[in-house]
């Protein structure tokens, strides 16, 4: 057994005693001063820098109805995404929806839907042609970035409601060839492809239609396969829960929800349940939160529920609803419509950017920062205090920065996550575009 010599041990003990004595005599270390939080001016300046460096991308906006180029582009307040507002908000890209509403599930009804879709497609194409110095249609992730780098806003074509396919899956090819890259099978009411989160209401019976397919029909399954093969992005916004889960299970690439919020916060049927949120995250998708008051606010408190019930009863609308404004469009008198919508706004209370970020927080904390984005649903009822139109986009960046999101996080939320999904769809395409002559 080795031992330390007595003399060596004594030296070590003396050195240790001296070190302890010197330590006791040394002045205490000064605490590290905490950095002062940024002032509002500093925060705003940082937000402006991040906003300018980000691809600010809106994953869903509608054409103003009636869908005329003049209405879309004019700065007369009709459109929330006219070029003046897009430029003011530094919006670099927006998905413009070639959307059609509900209608009879008949050949004549589908034909009318196709005519409406063709009209909107032609309107967007004309906008790009007539305003080449302001906007440009982009068909790939690389083109989106190139258009933005040129100082213009990229218009990405979106499709919503498979009614306009007229029961023909191959019609998807025509829309894709025309430039459409984001495809949603649903809107209000079920169609021949999939079930909606907002079933049709039969005024005669007072009942909502039951699920037609328990998710996706054979046509719907084939449509998802075709969108994947073409290289399009599948969009599950407005789909029923069963349809959303079936779509995620079928799609070979990540899906997006282009304008959907959190059902755990606001119990609207077109918001996403935790199960849907988890599946979208687990499969690499992105949920884009919308500044739409009725889909942001928690209206499940007893006080709000009672106020909503009274407003609906006074308007002669059924007390059952998928969201508080449901069926306001069936009120024949414009004055009655305005009175009803005003009473619902008062019942809900103000929706703010801060509440919108609550939904972003919920998704980011639950499934990660790579799976959340922003899709406004402007021109279709959206717009809240502080974020009324595209010109107010900086307010979201300020709010995110105030909540503690980093510059990298904010860049992902605004456009980076969408581009990742679009690139994945492009790379997985099995139908390659023919080379240009």
Protein backbone atom coordinates (compact mmCIF):
# COMPACT_ATOMS: atom_id res chain seq x y z
CA UNK A 1 0.00 0.00 0.00
CA UNK A 2 1.43 3.40 -1.06
CA UNK A 3 1.41 6.20 1.53
CA UNK A 4 2.16 9.90 1.29
CA UNK A 5 5.39 10.78 3.17
CA UNK A 6 4.77 12.69 6.40
CA UNK A 7 6.78 15.71 5.16
CA UNK A 8 4.88 15.87 1.83
CA UNK A 9 1.56 15.53 3.59
CA UNK A 10 2.45 18.42 5.89
CA UNK A 11 3.28 20.66 2.92
CA UNK A 12 -0.04 19.83 1.24
CA UNK A 13 -1.98 20.60 4.40
CA UNK A 14 -0.19 23.94 4.84
CA UNK A 15 -0.93 24.91 1.18
CA UNK A 16 -4.60 24.05 1.58
CA UNK A 17 -4.88 26.08 4.79
CA UNK A 18 -3.26 29.08 3.09
CA UNK A 19 -5.65 28.83 0.12
CA UNK A 20 -8.66 28.75 2.42
CA UNK A 21 -7.40 31.76 4.37
CA UNK A 22 -6.81 33.79 1.22
CA UNK A 23 -10.28 32.82 -0.06
CA UNK A 24 -11.87 34.03 3.15
CA UNK A 25 -10.09 37.38 2.87
CA UNK A 26 -10.95 37.91 -0.82
CA UNK A 27 -13.77 40.33 -1.58
CA UNK A 28 -17.03 38.62 -2.64
CA UNK A 29 -17.60 38.25 -6.38
CA UNK A 30 -19.87 40.89 -7.85
CA UNK A 31 -23.15 39.44 -9.13
CA UNK A 32 -23.51 39.53 -12.90
CA UNK A 33 -25.89 42.32 -13.77
CA UNK A 34 -29.01 41.12 -15.54
CA UNK A 35 -29.52 42.60 -18.96
CA UNK A 36 -32.34 45.10 -18.98
CA UNK A 37 -35.33 44.08 -21.10
CA UNK A 38 -35.57 45.95 -24.41
CA UNK A 39 -37.59 49.10 -24.54
CA UNK A 40 -40.63 49.22 -26.81
CA UNK A 41 -38.62 51.23 -29.32
CA UNK A 42 -35.81 48.65 -29.31
CA UNK A 43 -38.25 45.76 -29.63
CA UNK A 44 -39.99 47.46 -32.54
CA UNK A 45 -36.68 48.08 -34.29
CA UNK A 46 -35.65 44.44 -33.83
CA UNK A 47 -39.04 43.29 -35.13
CA UNK A 48 -38.69 45.47 -38.22
CA UNK A 49 -35.30 43.96 -38.97
CA UNK A 50 -36.58 40.39 -38.56
CA UNK A 51 -39.68 41.18 -40.62
CA UNK A 52 -37.59 42.56 -43.49
CA UNK A 53 -35.31 39.51 -43.43
CA UNK A 54 -38.19 37.00 -43.37
CA UNK A 55 -40.22 35.59 -46.22
CA UNK A 56 -43.59 36.81 -44.94
CA UNK A 57 -45.92 34.22 -46.44
CA UNK A 58 -49.69 34.07 -46.03
CA UNK A 59 -50.88 30.51 -46.67
CA UNK A 60 -54.49 31.40 -47.53
CA UNK A 61 -56.39 34.44 -48.77
CA UNK A 62 -59.50 34.76 -50.92
CA UNK A 63 -60.38 36.83 -53.93
CA UNK A 64 -62.88 39.57 -53.15
CA UNK A 65 -66.40 38.66 -54.27
CA UNK A 66 -67.35 39.58 -56.95
CA UNK A 67 -64.06 38.23 -58.20
CA UNK A 68 -62.90 41.02 -60.47
CA UNK A 69 -59.29 42.06 -61.00
CA UNK A 70 -60.21 45.64 -60.14
CA UNK A 71 -61.55 44.60 -56.74
CA UNK A 72 -58.51 42.49 -55.94
CA UNK A 73 -55.92 45.05 -56.89
CA UNK A 74 -57.49 48.37 -56.00
CA UNK A 75 -56.51 50.27 -52.89
CA UNK A 76 -60.14 51.16 -52.15
CA UNK A 77 -60.42 48.93 -49.13
CA UNK A 78 -62.29 46.10 -50.83
CA UNK A 79 -59.39 43.65 -50.66
CA UNK A 80 -57.31 43.02 -47.57
CA UNK A 81 -54.46 41.78 -49.76
CA UNK A 82 -54.29 44.37 -52.52
CA UNK A 83 -50.73 45.22 -53.67
CA UNK A 84 -50.61 48.43 -51.63
CA UNK A 85 -51.34 46.52 -48.43
CA UNK A 86 -49.02 43.65 -49.39
CA UNK A 87 -46.15 46.07 -49.90
CA UNK A 88 -46.90 47.99 -46.71
CA UNK A 89 -46.83 44.75 -44.74
CA UNK A 90 -43.70 43.41 -46.48
CA UNK A 91 -45.69 40.33 -47.55
CA UNK A 92 -43.50 38.36 -49.92
CA UNK A 93 -45.94 35.60 -50.87
CA UNK A 94 -49.63 34.80 -50.56
CA UNK A 95 -51.63 31.72 -51.51
CA UNK A 96 -54.68 32.95 -53.41
CA UNK A 97 -57.55 30.49 -53.15
CA UNK A 98 -59.49 29.38 -56.19
CA UNK A 99 -62.30 28.51 -53.82
CA UNK A 100 -65.93 27.64 -54.47
CA UNK A 101 -68.75 27.50 -51.98
CA UNK A 102 -71.31 24.82 -51.23
CA UNK A 103 -73.95 23.72 -53.67
CA UNK A 104 -76.07 20.81 -54.82
CA UNK A 105 -74.23 17.55 -55.36
CA UNK A 106 -75.49 17.25 -58.91
CA UNK A 107 -73.91 17.51 -62.35
CA UNK A 108 -75.45 20.95 -62.80
CA UNK A 109 -74.18 22.07 -59.39
CA UNK A 110 -70.67 20.80 -60.09
CA UNK A 111 -70.69 22.52 -63.48
CA UNK A 112 -71.50 25.85 -61.82
CA UNK A 113 -68.69 25.24 -59.31
CA UNK A 114 -66.21 24.61 -62.14
CA UNK A 115 -67.29 27.81 -63.90
CA UNK A 116 -66.69 29.78 -60.69
CA UNK A 117 -63.26 28.19 -60.23
CA UNK A 118 -62.30 28.90 -63.85
CA UNK A 119 -63.37 32.53 -63.42
CA UNK A 120 -61.22 32.98 -60.34
CA UNK A 121 -58.24 31.25 -61.94
CA UNK A 122 -58.51 33.53 -64.96
CA UNK A 123 -58.78 36.59 -62.69
CA UNK A 124 -55.56 35.75 -60.85
CA UNK A 125 -53.74 35.04 -64.12
CA UNK A 126 -54.89 38.38 -65.48
CA UNK A 127 -53.74 40.15 -62.34
CA UNK A 128 -50.25 38.77 -62.74
CA UNK A 129 -50.14 39.62 -66.45
CA UNK A 130 -51.44 43.18 -65.97
CA UNK A 131 -49.24 43.95 -62.95
CA UNK A 132 -45.97 42.28 -63.76
CA UNK A 133 -44.04 44.98 -61.91
CA UNK A 134 -45.86 44.21 -58.64
CA UNK A 135 -46.76 40.53 -58.47
CA UNK A 136 -45.84 37.28 -60.19
CA UNK A 137 -47.24 33.77 -60.07
CA UNK A 138 -44.76 31.32 -58.54
CA UNK A 139 -45.00 27.55 -59.00
CA UNK A 140 -42.05 26.26 -56.98
CA UNK A 141 -40.28 27.05 -53.75
CA UNK A 142 -37.33 28.37 -55.74
CA UNK A 143 -39.60 30.65 -57.79
CA UNK A 144 -41.23 32.00 -54.62
CA UNK A 145 -37.82 32.98 -53.28
CA UNK A 146 -36.77 34.46 -56.61
CA UNK A 147 -39.93 36.56 -56.92
CA UNK A 148 -39.44 37.83 -53.39
CA UNK A 149 -35.78 38.63 -54.05
CA UNK A 150 -36.89 40.74 -57.02
CA UNK A 151 -39.00 42.93 -54.73
CA UNK A 152 -42.35 41.57 -55.91
CA UNK A 153 -44.99 39.50 -54.14
CA UNK A 154 -45.29 35.88 -55.22
CA UNK A 155 -48.84 34.72 -55.92
CA UNK A 156 -49.19 31.01 -55.20
CA UNK A 157 -52.32 29.41 -56.58
CA UNK A 158 -54.47 27.41 -54.19
CA UNK A 159 -57.49 25.22 -54.83
CA UNK A 160 -60.39 24.74 -52.42
CA UNK A 161 -63.44 22.49 -52.71
CA UNK A 162 -63.37 19.44 -54.96
CA UNK A 163 -66.87 20.22 -56.24
CA UNK A 164 -65.18 22.02 -59.11
CA UNK A 165 -63.47 18.78 -60.19
CA UNK A 166 -66.91 17.56 -61.35
CA UNK A 167 -66.23 14.07 -60.03
CA UNK A 168 -63.13 13.69 -62.20
CA UNK A 169 -59.80 13.18 -60.43
CA UNK A 170 -57.88 13.84 -63.67
CA UNK A 171 -59.17 17.43 -63.57
CA UNK A 172 -56.53 18.00 -60.88
CA UNK A 173 -53.94 17.84 -63.67
CA UNK A 174 -55.52 20.80 -65.43
CA UNK A 175 -55.41 22.92 -62.31
CA UNK A 176 -51.83 21.86 -61.63
CA UNK A 177 -50.80 22.68 -65.20
CA UNK A 178 -52.38 26.11 -64.72
CA UNK A 179 -50.09 26.69 -61.74
CA UNK A 180 -52.09 25.48 -58.72
CA UNK A 181 -49.84 24.03 -56.02
CA UNK A 182 -51.99 23.88 -52.85
CA UNK A 183 -55.06 21.63 -52.89
CA UNK A 184 -57.89 21.44 -50.32
CA UNK A 185 -60.77 19.07 -50.99
CA UNK A 186 -63.23 20.78 -48.66
CA UNK A 187 -65.09 23.92 -47.79
CA UNK A 188 -68.55 24.31 -46.28
CA UNK A 189 -70.67 21.11 -46.69
CA UNK A 190 -69.67 17.59 -47.70
CA UNK A 191 -68.88 16.83 -51.32
CA UNK A 192 -68.31 13.67 -53.35
CA UNK A 193 -64.66 13.51 -52.25
CA UNK A 194 -64.64 14.18 -48.52
CA UNK A 195 -66.54 15.33 -45.45
CA UNK A 196 -66.49 18.91 -44.21
CA UNK A 197 -65.99 20.16 -40.66
CA UNK A 198 -68.99 22.39 -41.36
CA UNK A 199 -71.84 20.18 -42.64
CA UNK A 200 -74.70 21.61 -44.67
CA UNK A 201 -77.68 22.81 -42.64
CA UNK A 202 -81.14 21.93 -43.91
CA UNK A 203 -83.38 24.86 -43.03
CA UNK A 204 -86.48 22.74 -43.63
CA UNK A 205 -85.57 20.13 -41.02
CA UNK A 206 -83.28 22.19 -38.84
CA UNK A 207 -80.68 19.40 -39.00
CA UNK A 208 -77.10 19.19 -40.19
CA UNK A 209 -76.26 16.59 -42.81
CA UNK A 210 -74.58 13.43 -41.44
CA UNK A 211 -71.10 12.42 -42.60
CA UNK A 212 -71.20 11.21 -46.18
CA UNK A 213 -67.98 9.19 -46.24
CA UNK A 214 -66.67 8.92 -42.66
CA UNK A 215 -63.65 10.79 -43.99
CA UNK A 216 -62.64 10.25 -47.60
CA UNK A 217 -64.57 8.55 -50.38
CA UNK A 218 -62.79 6.42 -53.01
CA UNK A 219 -62.69 9.60 -55.12
CA UNK A 220 -61.05 11.44 -52.23
CA UNK A 221 -58.42 8.76 -51.74
CA UNK A 222 -57.63 8.83 -55.45
CA UNK A 223 -57.42 12.63 -55.35
CA UNK A 224 -54.82 12.56 -52.56
CA UNK A 225 -52.79 10.04 -54.57
CA UNK A 226 -52.95 12.29 -57.63
CA UNK A 227 -51.97 15.45 -55.74
CA UNK A 228 -48.96 13.58 -54.34
CA UNK A 229 -47.99 12.33 -57.78
CA UNK A 230 -48.21 15.81 -59.30
CA UNK A 231 -46.13 17.36 -56.52
CA UNK A 232 -48.88 19.46 -54.97
CA UNK A 233 -49.32 20.29 -51.29
CA UNK A 234 -52.36 18.71 -49.62
CA UNK A 235 -54.39 21.13 -47.47
CA UNK A 236 -56.74 19.80 -44.75
CA UNK A 237 -58.32 23.07 -43.63
CA UNK A 238 -62.15 22.86 -43.46
CA UNK A 239 -62.07 19.03 -43.53
CA UNK A 240 -63.82 16.99 -40.85
CA UNK A 241 -61.69 15.27 -38.22
CA UNK A 242 -62.20 11.88 -39.88
CA UNK A 243 -61.33 13.34 -43.27
CA UNK A 244 -58.23 15.08 -41.91
CA UNK A 245 -56.91 11.92 -40.26
CA UNK A 246 -57.67 9.84 -43.35
CA UNK A 247 -55.88 12.40 -45.53
CA UNK A 248 -52.77 12.38 -43.34
CA UNK A 249 -52.75 8.59 -43.37
CA UNK A 250 -53.07 8.51 -47.18
CA UNK A 251 -50.68 11.29 -48.17
CA UNK A 252 -47.09 10.32 -48.87
CA UNK A 253 -45.90 13.86 -48.11
CA UNK A 254 -46.57 16.26 -45.22
CA UNK A 255 -49.89 18.10 -45.30
CA UNK A 256 -50.72 21.65 -44.27
CA UNK A 257 -53.74 23.27 -42.69
CA UNK A 258 -53.69 26.58 -44.53
CA UNK A 259 -56.03 28.45 -42.17
CA UNK A 260 -56.95 26.49 -39.03
CA UNK A 261 -56.79 27.25 -35.32
CA UNK A 262 -56.77 25.28 -32.06
CA UNK A 263 -59.99 23.64 -30.96
CA UNK A 264 -58.82 23.30 -27.35
CA UNK A 265 -58.86 27.11 -27.18
CA UNK A 266 -61.81 27.90 -29.44
CA UNK A 267 -64.33 25.07 -29.80
CA UNK A 268 -65.29 25.70 -33.42
CA UNK A 269 -65.75 22.52 -35.43
CA UNK A 270 -63.41 23.71 -38.18
CA UNK A 271 -60.58 24.14 -35.67
CA UNK A 272 -58.16 21.26 -35.12
CA UNK A 273 -58.39 18.79 -32.25
CA UNK A 274 -55.27 17.75 -30.35
CA UNK A 275 -55.30 14.42 -32.19
CA UNK A 276 -55.24 16.17 -35.56
CA UNK A 277 -52.54 18.59 -34.40
CA UNK A 278 -50.39 15.72 -33.16
CA UNK A 279 -50.73 13.75 -36.40
CA UNK A 280 -49.88 16.77 -38.55
CA UNK A 281 -46.77 17.36 -36.45
CA UNK A 282 -45.73 13.71 -36.41
CA UNK A 283 -45.87 13.56 -40.21
CA UNK A 284 -43.95 16.80 -40.80
CA UNK A 285 -46.85 19.08 -41.66
CA UNK A 286 -47.64 22.70 -40.81
CA UNK A 287 -50.70 24.35 -39.22
CA UNK A 288 -51.27 27.96 -40.27
CA UNK A 289 -53.15 30.05 -37.71
CA UNK A 290 -55.75 32.56 -38.94
CA UNK A 291 -56.67 35.97 -37.46
CA UNK A 292 -60.39 35.11 -37.55
CA UNK A 293 -62.19 36.15 -34.37
CA UNK A 294 -64.77 33.35 -34.22
CA UNK A 295 -61.99 30.76 -34.55
CA UNK A 296 -59.67 32.45 -32.03
CA UNK A 297 -61.82 33.29 -29.04
CA UNK A 298 -62.86 30.82 -26.36
CA UNK A 299 -66.65 31.10 -26.60
CA UNK A 300 -67.37 28.16 -24.28
CA UNK A 301 -67.79 30.18 -21.09
CA UNK A 302 -71.35 30.22 -19.69
CA UNK A 303 -71.66 33.97 -20.23
CA UNK A 304 -70.58 33.85 -23.87
CA UNK A 305 -72.68 30.77 -24.63
CA UNK A 306 -75.79 32.46 -23.24
CA UNK A 307 -75.13 35.70 -25.15
CA UNK A 308 -74.60 33.74 -28.38
CA UNK A 309 -77.77 31.71 -27.78
CA UNK A 310 -79.83 34.87 -27.30
CA UNK A 311 -78.37 36.49 -30.42
CA UNK A 312 -79.11 33.45 -32.55
CA UNK A 313 -82.62 33.07 -31.17
CA UNK A 314 -83.35 36.75 -31.81
CA UNK A 315 -82.21 36.35 -35.42
CA UNK A 316 -84.31 33.21 -35.90
CA UNK A 317 -81.25 30.98 -36.33
CA UNK A 318 -80.89 27.53 -34.74
CA UNK A 319 -79.06 27.35 -31.44
CA UNK A 320 -76.92 24.46 -32.73
CA UNK A 321 -73.93 25.78 -34.61
CA UNK A 322 -70.40 24.87 -35.68
CA UNK A 323 -69.21 28.38 -34.85
CA UNK A 324 -71.11 31.42 -33.48
CA UNK A 325 -71.75 33.17 -36.83
CA UNK A 326 -73.02 29.96 -38.47
CA UNK A 327 -75.81 30.50 -41.06
CA UNK A 328 -75.77 34.31 -40.89
CA UNK A 329 -75.65 34.19 -44.68
CA UNK A 330 -79.17 32.70 -44.70
CA UNK A 331 -80.64 35.87 -43.19
CA UNK A 332 -82.41 37.58 -46.13
CA UNK A 333 -82.32 41.15 -44.82
CA UNK A 334 -78.96 43.01 -44.84
CA UNK A 335 -80.05 44.98 -41.78
CA UNK A 336 -80.82 41.75 -39.92
CA UNK A 337 -77.44 40.34 -40.94
CA UNK A 338 -75.62 43.38 -39.62
CA UNK A 339 -77.61 43.36 -36.38
CA UNK A 340 -76.85 39.67 -35.83
CA UNK A 341 -73.13 39.85 -36.63
CA UNK A 342 -72.78 42.91 -34.40
CA UNK A 343 -74.43 41.08 -31.51
CA UNK A 344 -72.10 38.10 -31.98
CA UNK A 345 -69.03 40.37 -32.05
CA UNK A 346 -70.18 41.91 -28.78
CA UNK A 347 -70.81 38.49 -27.26
CA UNK A 348 -67.39 37.19 -28.22
CA UNK A 349 -65.43 40.28 -27.19
CA UNK A 350 -62.37 41.65 -28.99
CA UNK A 351 -59.97 39.32 -30.78
CA UNK A 352 -56.37 40.51 -30.75
CA UNK A 353 -52.95 39.58 -32.07
CA UNK A 354 -52.12 38.40 -28.56
CA UNK A 355 -54.94 35.85 -28.68
CA UNK A 356 -53.78 34.74 -32.13
CA UNK A 357 -50.32 34.11 -30.70
CA UNK A 358 -51.90 32.01 -27.93
CA UNK A 359 -52.89 29.59 -30.70
CA UNK A 360 -49.39 29.72 -32.21
CA UNK A 361 -47.92 29.08 -28.75
CA UNK A 362 -50.19 26.09 -28.21
CA UNK A 363 -49.14 24.44 -31.47
CA UNK A 364 -45.44 25.27 -31.11
CA UNK A 365 -45.29 23.93 -27.56
CA UNK A 366 -47.25 20.81 -28.45
CA UNK A 367 -45.60 19.72 -31.71
CA UNK A 368 -42.66 22.08 -32.26
CA UNK A 369 -41.75 25.32 -33.98
CA UNK A 370 -41.30 23.55 -37.34
CA UNK A 371 -45.02 22.89 -37.58
CA UNK A 372 -46.74 26.27 -37.25
CA UNK A 373 -47.33 29.11 -39.70
CA UNK A 374 -49.80 31.87 -40.60
CA UNK A 375 -52.69 31.79 -43.08
CA UNK A 376 -54.98 34.78 -42.78
CA UNK A 377 -58.21 33.83 -44.58
CA UNK A 378 -58.38 37.53 -45.49
CA UNK A 379 -61.33 38.58 -47.64
CA UNK A 380 -63.43 35.82 -46.13
CA UNK A 381 -64.24 37.17 -42.68
CA UNK A 382 -60.78 37.44 -41.15
CA UNK A 383 -59.27 40.51 -39.55
CA UNK A 384 -58.79 41.30 -35.85
CA UNK A 385 -57.72 44.22 -33.70
CA UNK A 386 -54.16 45.04 -34.73
CA UNK A 387 -54.18 42.75 -37.78
CA UNK A 388 -56.98 43.92 -40.03
CA UNK A 389 -55.22 43.35 -43.35
CA UNK A 390 -51.87 42.56 -44.96
CA UNK A 391 -50.51 46.02 -44.15
CA UNK A 392 -50.56 45.10 -40.43
CA UNK A 393 -48.34 42.02 -40.75
CA UNK A 394 -45.51 43.56 -38.71
CA UNK A 395 -47.79 43.45 -35.65
CA UNK A 396 -47.54 39.65 -35.65
CA UNK A 397 -43.74 39.76 -35.74
CA UNK A 398 -43.74 42.25 -32.86
CA UNK A 399 -46.06 39.99 -30.88
CA UNK A 400 -43.97 36.89 -31.54
CA UNK A 401 -40.77 38.69 -30.52
CA UNK A 402 -42.44 39.92 -27.33
CA UNK A 403 -43.41 36.32 -26.49
CA UNK A 404 -39.78 35.28 -26.72
CA UNK A 405 -39.60 33.73 -30.18
CA UNK A 406 -36.18 34.07 -31.81
CA UNK A 407 -35.50 35.52 -35.24
CA UNK A 408 -35.01 31.97 -36.56
CA UNK A 409 -38.33 30.87 -35.04
CA UNK A 410 -40.17 33.80 -36.59
CA UNK A 411 -38.68 33.16 -40.02
CA UNK A 412 -39.90 29.56 -39.83
CA UNK A 413 -43.39 30.64 -38.76
CA UNK A 414 -43.73 33.28 -41.48
CA UNK A 415 -42.65 31.20 -44.45
CA UNK A 416 -39.83 28.78 -43.83
CA UNK A 417 -42.07 25.94 -42.69
CA UNK A 418 -44.38 26.28 -45.70
CA UNK A 419 -41.43 26.24 -48.10
CA UNK A 420 -40.11 23.06 -46.47
CA UNK A 421 -43.41 21.27 -47.09
CA UNK A 422 -43.63 22.57 -50.67
CA UNK A 423 -40.10 21.35 -51.38
CA UNK A 424 -40.96 17.93 -49.95
CA UNK A 425 -43.98 17.74 -52.26
CA UNK A 426 -41.88 18.77 -55.27
CA UNK A 427 -39.23 16.17 -54.54
CA UNK A 428 -41.76 13.37 -54.09
CA UNK A 429 -43.57 14.04 -57.38
CA UNK A 430 -43.72 11.02 -59.66
CA UNK A 431 -45.21 12.84 -62.64
CA UNK A 432 -42.46 14.97 -64.10
CA UNK A 433 -43.36 18.08 -66.06
CA UNK A 434 -42.64 17.93 -69.75
CA UNK A 435 -39.63 20.05 -70.79
CA UNK A 436 -40.46 23.38 -72.31
CA UNK A 437 -39.92 23.56 -76.10
